[in-house]
Amino acid sequence: MIFADSFGLGTRLAQQIEKENHQVIIVKPGQTYAKTSEKEYTVNPEHETAYHTLLQDLSREDKIPHRVVFLWGITKPGKPGGREVDFYSIIRLVQAFGKEVVNNEIRLGIVTNNMHEVTGQENILIPQKALILGTVKVIPREYTNISCFSVD
């Protein structure tokens, strides 16, 4: 499952995964929860129930993912994004996995930009994104079936 960014990285990643004959579910931020195609959904990042509904629908279709790539932390250079869209969305998603009693092993990769100095050429770092690092450390302690990693 890919929580796709607005810059096309998620779309390209999904295409690559599908070339290797793996099933991909794409989730995009939207105003309401909706199933927009057989493999695409929208959720309102601020509505906790949207994440539960998504997982309930995926469970009914036997499509609960084992791997999740969260790309909503990728923002325009110099734009911090919003805690509602990145930090709280991760929390809401993981809580939904817990509440919907998803027991299978899940690998959650959280991708950001401008959180760390990587090349030394970054013009603007966004320290607010460091909140995500806390979730990466805490989630596996509270949800033992979910492992996390962060890529910036």
N, C-alpha and C. Protein backbone atom coordinates (compact mmCIF):
# COMPACT_ATOMS: atom_id res chain seq x y z
N MET A 1 0.86 -1.16 0.00
CA MET A 1 0.00 0.00 0.00
C MET A 1 0.91 1.22 0.00
N ILE A 2 0.59 2.15 -0.88
CA ILE A 2 1.37 3.37 -1.00
C ILE A 2 0.48 4.57 -0.70
N PHE A 3 0.87 5.37 0.28
CA PHE A 3 0.22 6.64 0.54
C PHE A 3 0.95 7.64 -0.35
N ALA A 4 0.37 7.89 -1.52
CA ALA A 4 1.07 8.59 -2.61
C ALA A 4 1.17 10.09 -2.38
N ASP A 5 2.33 10.61 -2.72
CA ASP A 5 2.61 12.03 -2.65
C ASP A 5 1.99 12.73 -3.86
N SER A 6 2.07 14.04 -3.89
CA SER A 6 1.50 14.81 -5.00
C SER A 6 2.53 15.12 -6.08
N PHE A 7 3.73 14.55 -5.98
CA PHE A 7 4.80 14.84 -6.94
C PHE A 7 5.05 13.69 -7.92
N GLY A 8 4.32 12.60 -7.79
CA GLY A 8 4.44 11.50 -8.73
C GLY A 8 5.35 10.36 -8.31
N LEU A 9 6.07 10.51 -7.20
CA LEU A 9 6.95 9.44 -6.75
C LEU A 9 6.14 8.17 -6.44
N GLY A 10 5.02 8.33 -5.76
CA GLY A 10 4.19 7.17 -5.43
C GLY A 10 3.66 6.46 -6.65
N THR A 11 3.28 7.22 -7.66
CA THR A 11 2.78 6.63 -8.90
C THR A 11 3.88 5.83 -9.59
N ARG A 12 5.07 6.41 -9.67
CA ARG A 12 6.19 5.70 -10.30
C ARG A 12 6.57 4.45 -9.50
N LEU A 13 6.55 4.55 -8.19
CA LEU A 13 6.85 3.40 -7.35
C LEU A 13 5.82 2.30 -7.56
N ALA A 14 4.55 2.66 -7.62
CA ALA A 14 3.48 1.68 -7.85
C ALA A 14 3.67 0.99 -9.19
N GLN A 15 4.02 1.74 -10.21
CA GLN A 15 4.23 1.14 -11.54
C GLN A 15 5.37 0.14 -11.50
N GLN A 16 6.45 0.48 -10.81
CA GLN A 16 7.59 -0.42 -10.71
C GLN A 16 7.22 -1.70 -9.96
N ILE A 17 6.48 -1.55 -8.88
CA ILE A 17 6.07 -2.72 -8.09
C ILE A 17 5.15 -3.62 -8.92
N GLU A 18 4.22 -3.00 -9.67
CA GLU A 18 3.31 -3.78 -10.50
C GLU A 18 4.05 -4.51 -11.62
N LYS A 19 5.14 -3.94 -12.12
CA LYS A 19 5.95 -4.62 -13.14
C LYS A 19 6.52 -5.93 -12.60
N GLU A 20 6.70 -5.99 -11.30
CA GLU A 20 7.22 -7.20 -10.66
C GLU A 20 6.09 -8.12 -10.19
N ASN A 21 4.89 -7.88 -10.73
CA ASN A 21 3.71 -8.71 -10.47
C ASN A 21 3.26 -8.72 -9.02
N HIS A 22 3.38 -7.57 -8.37
CA HIS A 22 2.85 -7.43 -7.02
C HIS A 22 1.64 -6.51 -7.07
N GLN A 23 0.70 -6.77 -6.19
CA GLN A 23 -0.50 -5.96 -6.11
C GLN A 23 -0.21 -4.69 -5.31
N VAL A 24 -0.73 -3.56 -5.77
CA VAL A 24 -0.48 -2.28 -5.11
C VAL A 24 -1.82 -1.58 -4.85
N ILE A 25 -1.96 -1.06 -3.65
CA ILE A 25 -3.09 -0.20 -3.29
C ILE A 25 -2.52 1.19 -3.13
N ILE A 26 -3.15 2.17 -3.76
CA ILE A 26 -2.70 3.56 -3.67
C ILE A 26 -3.72 4.36 -2.88
N VAL A 27 -3.23 5.13 -1.91
CA VAL A 27 -4.09 5.98 -1.09
C VAL A 27 -3.62 7.42 -1.25
N LYS A 28 -4.56 8.29 -1.56
CA LYS A 28 -4.24 9.71 -1.73
C LYS A 28 -5.07 10.53 -0.74
N PRO A 29 -4.54 11.68 -0.34
CA PRO A 29 -5.35 12.55 0.52
C PRO A 29 -6.51 13.15 -0.27
N GLY A 30 -7.65 13.26 0.37
CA GLY A 30 -8.83 13.85 -0.27
C GLY A 30 -9.75 14.44 0.77
N GLN A 31 -10.85 14.96 0.33
CA GLN A 31 -11.82 15.56 1.25
C GLN A 31 -12.63 14.53 1.99
N THR A 32 -12.88 13.39 1.33
CA THR A 32 -13.70 12.33 1.94
C THR A 32 -13.07 10.98 1.62
N TYR A 33 -13.56 9.96 2.31
CA TYR A 33 -13.14 8.60 1.98
C TYR A 33 -13.86 8.18 0.72
N ALA A 34 -13.11 7.57 -0.20
CA ALA A 34 -13.73 7.06 -1.42
C ALA A 34 -12.84 5.98 -2.02
N LYS A 35 -13.47 5.01 -2.63
CA LYS A 35 -12.76 4.04 -3.45
C LYS A 35 -12.90 4.54 -4.87
N THR A 36 -11.82 5.05 -5.43
CA THR A 36 -11.89 5.70 -6.74
C THR A 36 -11.63 4.74 -7.89
N SER A 37 -11.04 3.59 -7.61
CA SER A 37 -10.86 2.54 -8.60
C SER A 37 -10.59 1.24 -7.85
N GLU A 38 -10.34 0.19 -8.59
CA GLU A 38 -10.10 -1.11 -7.96
C GLU A 38 -8.89 -1.09 -7.03
N LYS A 39 -7.95 -0.19 -7.30
CA LYS A 39 -6.73 -0.16 -6.49
C LYS A 39 -6.43 1.20 -5.89
N GLU A 40 -7.32 2.17 -6.04
CA GLU A 40 -7.06 3.51 -5.52
C GLU A 40 -8.17 3.97 -4.58
N TYR A 41 -7.73 4.66 -3.51
CA TYR A 41 -8.63 5.17 -2.50
C TYR A 41 -8.20 6.60 -2.15
N THR A 42 -9.14 7.36 -1.62
CA THR A 42 -8.80 8.64 -1.00
C THR A 42 -9.28 8.59 0.45
N VAL A 43 -8.52 9.25 1.32
CA VAL A 43 -8.93 9.40 2.71
C VAL A 43 -8.70 10.85 3.10
N ASN A 44 -9.54 11.34 3.97
CA ASN A 44 -9.31 12.67 4.53
C ASN A 44 -8.29 12.48 5.65
N PRO A 45 -7.10 13.07 5.53
CA PRO A 45 -6.05 12.85 6.53
C PRO A 45 -6.45 13.22 7.95
N GLU A 46 -7.45 14.09 8.08
CA GLU A 46 -7.86 14.56 9.41
C GLU A 46 -8.94 13.69 10.04
N HIS A 47 -9.50 12.73 9.30
CA HIS A 47 -10.61 11.92 9.80
C HIS A 47 -10.14 10.52 10.15
N GLU A 48 -10.09 10.25 11.43
CA GLU A 48 -9.66 8.95 11.92
C GLU A 48 -10.49 7.82 11.32
N THR A 49 -11.78 8.04 11.18
CA THR A 49 -12.66 6.98 10.68
C THR A 49 -12.32 6.57 9.25
N ALA A 50 -11.74 7.46 8.47
CA ALA A 50 -11.39 7.14 7.09
C ALA A 50 -10.37 6.00 7.03
N TYR A 51 -9.44 5.99 7.95
CA TYR A 51 -8.42 4.94 7.99
C TYR A 51 -9.04 3.60 8.38
N HIS A 52 -9.97 3.64 9.32
CA HIS A 52 -10.67 2.42 9.73
C HIS A 52 -11.50 1.87 8.57
N THR A 53 -12.21 2.76 7.89
CA THR A 53 -13.03 2.33 6.75
C THR A 53 -12.15 1.73 5.65
N LEU A 54 -11.02 2.35 5.40
CA LEU A 54 -10.08 1.84 4.40
C LEU A 54 -9.66 0.41 4.76
N LEU A 55 -9.23 0.20 5.99
CA LEU A 55 -8.78 -1.13 6.39
C LEU A 55 -9.92 -2.15 6.41
N GLN A 56 -11.12 -1.71 6.78
CA GLN A 56 -12.27 -2.62 6.74
C GLN A 56 -12.54 -3.06 5.31
N ASP A 57 -12.52 -2.10 4.38
CA ASP A 57 -12.74 -2.44 2.97
C ASP A 57 -11.65 -3.37 2.45
N LEU A 58 -10.40 -3.07 2.78
CA LEU A 58 -9.30 -3.93 2.33
C LEU A 58 -9.40 -5.32 2.94
N SER A 59 -9.84 -5.39 4.19
CA SER A 59 -10.00 -6.68 4.85
C SER A 59 -11.09 -7.51 4.17
N ARG A 60 -12.20 -6.88 3.83
CA ARG A 60 -13.29 -7.59 3.14
C ARG A 60 -12.81 -8.16 1.81
N GLU A 61 -11.90 -7.46 1.16
CA GLU A 61 -11.39 -7.91 -0.14
C GLU A 61 -10.11 -8.75 0.01
N ASP A 62 -9.75 -9.08 1.24
CA ASP A 62 -8.53 -9.84 1.54
C ASP A 62 -7.29 -9.17 0.94
N LYS A 63 -7.19 -7.85 1.15
CA LYS A 63 -6.09 -7.07 0.60
C LYS A 63 -5.32 -6.30 1.68
N ILE A 64 -5.35 -6.77 2.91
CA ILE A 64 -4.58 -6.10 3.97
C ILE A 64 -3.10 -6.17 3.58
N PRO A 65 -2.43 -5.03 3.56
CA PRO A 65 -1.04 -5.03 3.09
C PRO A 65 -0.05 -5.54 4.13
N HIS A 66 1.07 -6.02 3.63
CA HIS A 66 2.18 -6.42 4.48
C HIS A 66 3.26 -5.34 4.49
N ARG A 67 3.20 -4.49 3.48
CA ARG A 67 4.15 -3.39 3.37
C ARG A 67 3.39 -2.10 3.06
N VAL A 68 3.78 -1.04 3.76
CA VAL A 68 3.16 0.27 3.57
C VAL A 68 4.28 1.28 3.35
N VAL A 69 4.15 2.06 2.29
CA VAL A 69 5.10 3.15 2.03
C VAL A 69 4.32 4.45 2.18
N PHE A 70 4.74 5.25 3.11
CA PHE A 70 4.02 6.49 3.44
C PHE A 70 4.82 7.67 2.87
N LEU A 71 4.32 8.26 1.80
CA LEU A 71 5.01 9.34 1.10
C LEU A 71 4.43 10.73 1.37
N TRP A 72 3.48 10.83 2.27
CA TRP A 72 2.85 12.13 2.52
C TRP A 72 3.78 13.11 3.22
N GLY A 73 4.93 12.65 3.67
CA GLY A 73 5.91 13.54 4.29
C GLY A 73 6.79 14.26 3.29
N ILE A 74 6.58 13.99 1.99
CA ILE A 74 7.33 14.69 0.95
C ILE A 74 6.58 15.97 0.61
N THR A 75 7.28 17.08 0.75
CA THR A 75 6.65 18.39 0.51
C THR A 75 7.52 19.21 -0.44
N LYS A 76 6.96 20.31 -0.91
CA LYS A 76 7.73 21.24 -1.73
C LYS A 76 8.88 21.78 -0.89
N PRO A 77 10.03 22.02 -1.52
CA PRO A 77 11.15 22.58 -0.75
C PRO A 77 10.74 23.85 0.00
N GLY A 78 11.07 23.87 1.27
CA GLY A 78 10.75 25.03 2.10
C GLY A 78 9.36 25.02 2.69
N LYS A 79 8.51 24.08 2.27
CA LYS A 79 7.15 23.97 2.81
C LYS A 79 7.13 22.87 3.86
N PRO A 80 6.76 23.19 5.07
CA PRO A 80 6.80 22.18 6.13
C PRO A 80 5.75 21.09 6.02
N GLY A 81 4.73 21.25 5.20
CA GLY A 81 3.63 20.29 5.23
C GLY A 81 2.79 20.59 6.45
N GLY A 82 2.03 19.66 6.86
CA GLY A 82 1.22 19.88 8.05
C GLY A 82 1.26 18.67 8.93
N ARG A 83 1.25 18.90 10.21
CA ARG A 83 1.26 17.75 11.12
C ARG A 83 0.04 16.88 10.90
N GLU A 84 -1.07 17.48 10.47
CA GLU A 84 -2.27 16.68 10.20
C GLU A 84 -2.01 15.69 9.08
N VAL A 85 -1.27 16.10 8.06
CA VAL A 85 -1.09 15.26 6.89
C VAL A 85 0.00 14.22 7.09
N ASP A 86 1.06 14.55 7.79
CA ASP A 86 2.12 13.57 7.92
C ASP A 86 2.12 12.90 9.30
N PHE A 87 2.47 13.58 10.33
CA PHE A 87 2.59 12.98 11.67
C PHE A 87 1.29 12.34 12.14
N TYR A 88 0.20 13.10 12.17
CA TYR A 88 -1.05 12.55 12.68
C TYR A 88 -1.64 11.49 11.77
N SER A 89 -1.39 11.60 10.48
CA SER A 89 -1.88 10.56 9.57
C SER A 89 -1.22 9.22 9.86
N ILE A 90 0.06 9.25 10.16
CA ILE A 90 0.76 8.02 10.52
C ILE A 90 0.16 7.43 11.78
N ILE A 91 -0.06 8.27 12.77
CA ILE A 91 -0.66 7.81 14.04
C ILE A 91 -2.04 7.22 13.78
N ARG A 92 -2.87 7.91 13.02
CA ARG A 92 -4.23 7.42 12.74
C ARG A 92 -4.19 6.09 11.99
N LEU A 93 -3.28 5.97 11.03
CA LEU A 93 -3.17 4.72 10.28
C LEU A 93 -2.78 3.56 11.19
N VAL A 94 -1.79 3.75 12.00
CA VAL A 94 -1.31 2.67 12.88
C VAL A 94 -2.39 2.32 13.91
N GLN A 95 -3.07 3.31 14.44
CA GLN A 95 -4.15 3.02 15.38
C GLN A 95 -5.27 2.23 14.70
N ALA A 96 -5.53 2.54 13.44
CA ALA A 96 -6.55 1.79 12.70
C ALA A 96 -6.11 0.34 12.52
N PHE A 97 -4.83 0.11 12.21
CA PHE A 97 -4.33 -1.26 12.12
C PHE A 97 -4.57 -1.99 13.44
N GLY A 98 -4.31 -1.31 14.55
CA GLY A 98 -4.51 -1.92 15.86
C GLY A 98 -5.97 -2.18 16.17
N LYS A 99 -6.81 -1.21 15.91
CA LYS A 99 -8.24 -1.34 16.24
C LYS A 99 -8.94 -2.36 15.35
N GLU A 100 -8.49 -2.45 14.09
CA GLU A 100 -9.10 -3.42 13.17
C GLU A 100 -8.51 -4.81 13.35
N VAL A 101 -7.69 -4.95 14.36
CA VAL A 101 -7.08 -6.21 14.75
C VAL A 101 -6.35 -6.86 13.56
N VAL A 102 -5.47 -6.08 12.99
CA VAL A 102 -4.61 -6.59 11.93
C VAL A 102 -3.38 -7.17 12.62
N ASN A 103 -3.26 -8.48 12.58
CA ASN A 103 -2.18 -9.15 13.31
C ASN A 103 -1.00 -9.54 12.44
N ASN A 104 -1.16 -9.46 11.11
CA ASN A 104 -0.04 -9.86 10.27
C ASN A 104 1.11 -8.86 10.38
N GLU A 105 2.30 -9.32 10.05
CA GLU A 105 3.48 -8.46 10.10
C GLU A 105 3.35 -7.36 9.05
N ILE A 106 3.62 -6.14 9.47
CA ILE A 106 3.54 -4.99 8.57
C ILE A 106 4.85 -4.23 8.65
N ARG A 107 5.39 -3.91 7.50
CA ARG A 107 6.61 -3.11 7.40
C ARG A 107 6.18 -1.74 6.91
N LEU A 108 6.38 -0.71 7.73
CA LEU A 108 5.96 0.66 7.43
C LEU A 108 7.18 1.52 7.15
N GLY A 109 7.28 1.99 5.92
CA GLY A 109 8.36 2.89 5.53
C GLY A 109 7.81 4.30 5.40
N ILE A 110 8.42 5.22 6.11
CA ILE A 110 7.96 6.62 6.11
C ILE A 110 9.01 7.45 5.39
N VAL A 111 8.60 8.07 4.29
CA VAL A 111 9.53 8.81 3.44
C VAL A 111 9.25 10.30 3.56
N THR A 112 10.30 11.07 3.79
CA THR A 112 10.20 12.52 3.91
C THR A 112 11.28 13.17 3.04
N ASN A 113 11.26 14.46 3.02
CA ASN A 113 12.36 15.23 2.43
C ASN A 113 12.63 16.42 3.34
N ASN A 114 13.81 16.94 3.26
CA ASN A 114 14.22 18.14 4.01
C ASN A 114 14.13 17.99 5.52
N MET A 115 14.25 16.77 6.02
CA MET A 115 14.28 16.57 7.47
C MET A 115 15.72 16.54 7.97
N HIS A 116 16.60 15.89 7.21
CA HIS A 116 18.01 15.74 7.58
C HIS A 116 18.91 16.41 6.55
N GLU A 117 20.05 16.78 6.99
CA GLU A 117 21.08 17.20 6.04
C GLU A 117 21.69 15.92 5.48
N VAL A 118 21.52 15.71 4.19
CA VAL A 118 21.97 14.48 3.56
C VAL A 118 23.20 14.74 2.69
N THR A 119 23.11 15.74 1.83
CA THR A 119 24.19 16.02 0.88
C THR A 119 25.02 17.23 1.27
N GLY A 120 24.50 18.02 2.20
CA GLY A 120 25.17 19.28 2.54
C GLY A 120 24.75 20.42 1.63
N GLN A 121 23.94 20.12 0.63
CA GLN A 121 23.48 21.12 -0.32
C GLN A 121 22.05 21.58 -0.05
N GLU A 122 21.44 21.04 1.01
CA GLU A 122 20.05 21.40 1.31
C GLU A 122 19.99 22.88 1.71
N ASN A 123 19.07 23.59 1.10
CA ASN A 123 18.90 25.01 1.42
C ASN A 123 18.07 25.21 2.68
N ILE A 124 17.03 24.42 2.82
CA ILE A 124 16.11 24.60 3.94
C ILE A 124 15.78 23.25 4.54
N LEU A 125 16.07 23.09 5.82
CA LEU A 125 15.65 21.90 6.54
C LEU A 125 14.38 22.23 7.32
N ILE A 126 13.56 21.23 7.51
CA ILE A 126 12.27 21.43 8.18
C ILE A 126 12.28 20.61 9.46
N PRO A 127 12.67 21.23 10.58
CA PRO A 127 12.80 20.47 11.83
C PRO A 127 11.48 19.90 12.34
N GLN A 128 10.34 20.47 11.92
CA GLN A 128 9.04 19.94 12.37
C GLN A 128 8.86 18.48 11.94
N LYS A 129 9.51 18.10 10.85
CA LYS A 129 9.37 16.73 10.36
C LYS A 129 10.04 15.72 11.29
N ALA A 130 10.88 16.20 12.19
CA ALA A 130 11.55 15.29 13.13
C ALA A 130 10.55 14.59 14.04
N LEU A 131 9.34 15.11 14.16
CA LEU A 131 8.30 14.41 14.92
C LEU A 131 8.11 12.99 14.41
N ILE A 132 8.29 12.81 13.12
CA ILE A 132 8.10 11.50 12.51
C ILE A 132 9.09 10.49 13.07
N LEU A 133 10.29 10.93 13.42
CA LEU A 133 11.29 10.01 13.96
C LEU A 133 10.82 9.37 15.26
N GLY A 134 10.08 10.12 16.05
CA GLY A 134 9.53 9.56 17.28
C GLY A 134 8.56 8.43 17.01
N THR A 135 7.73 8.62 15.99
CA THR A 135 6.76 7.57 15.65
C THR A 135 7.48 6.30 15.19
N VAL A 136 8.56 6.47 14.45
CA VAL A 136 9.32 5.32 13.96
C VAL A 136 9.85 4.48 15.12
N LYS A 137 10.22 5.15 16.19
CA LYS A 137 10.76 4.43 17.36
C LYS A 137 9.66 3.86 18.25
N VAL A 138 8.55 4.57 18.38
CA VAL A 138 7.52 4.17 19.34
C VAL A 138 6.56 3.12 18.76
N ILE A 139 6.19 3.24 17.50
CA ILE A 139 5.19 2.33 16.92
C ILE A 139 5.54 0.86 17.15
N PRO A 140 6.76 0.40 16.86
CA PRO A 140 7.04 -1.03 17.07
C PRO A 140 6.98 -1.47 18.53
N ARG A 141 7.11 -0.53 19.45
CA ARG A 141 7.00 -0.88 20.87
C ARG A 141 5.54 -1.08 21.28
N GLU A 142 4.65 -0.31 20.66
CA GLU A 142 3.23 -0.41 21.00
C GLU A 142 2.49 -1.42 20.13
N TYR A 143 2.98 -1.62 18.92
CA TYR A 143 2.35 -2.56 17.97
C TYR A 143 3.46 -3.50 17.50
N THR A 144 3.60 -4.62 18.16
CA THR A 144 4.74 -5.50 17.92
C THR A 144 4.74 -6.14 16.53
N ASN A 145 3.62 -6.10 15.84
CA ASN A 145 3.57 -6.66 14.49
C ASN A 145 3.95 -5.62 13.42
N ILE A 146 4.22 -4.37 13.83
CA ILE A 146 4.57 -3.32 12.88
C ILE A 146 6.01 -2.91 13.09
N SER A 147 6.81 -3.04 12.04
CA SER A 147 8.17 -2.51 12.08
C SER A 147 8.21 -1.27 11.21
N CYS A 148 9.07 -0.32 11.59
CA CYS A 148 9.11 0.97 10.90
C CYS A 148 10.53 1.36 10.52
N PHE A 149 10.62 2.14 9.47
CA PHE A 149 11.87 2.79 9.13
C PHE A 149 11.56 4.12 8.46
N SER A 150 12.53 5.01 8.51
CA SER A 150 12.37 6.34 7.93
C SER A 150 13.44 6.54 6.87
N VAL A 151 13.04 7.15 5.76
CA VAL A 151 13.96 7.52 4.69
C VAL A 151 13.74 8.99 4.40
N ASP A 152 14.81 9.77 4.39
CA ASP A 152 14.70 11.19 4.08
C ASP A 152 15.51 11.48 2.82
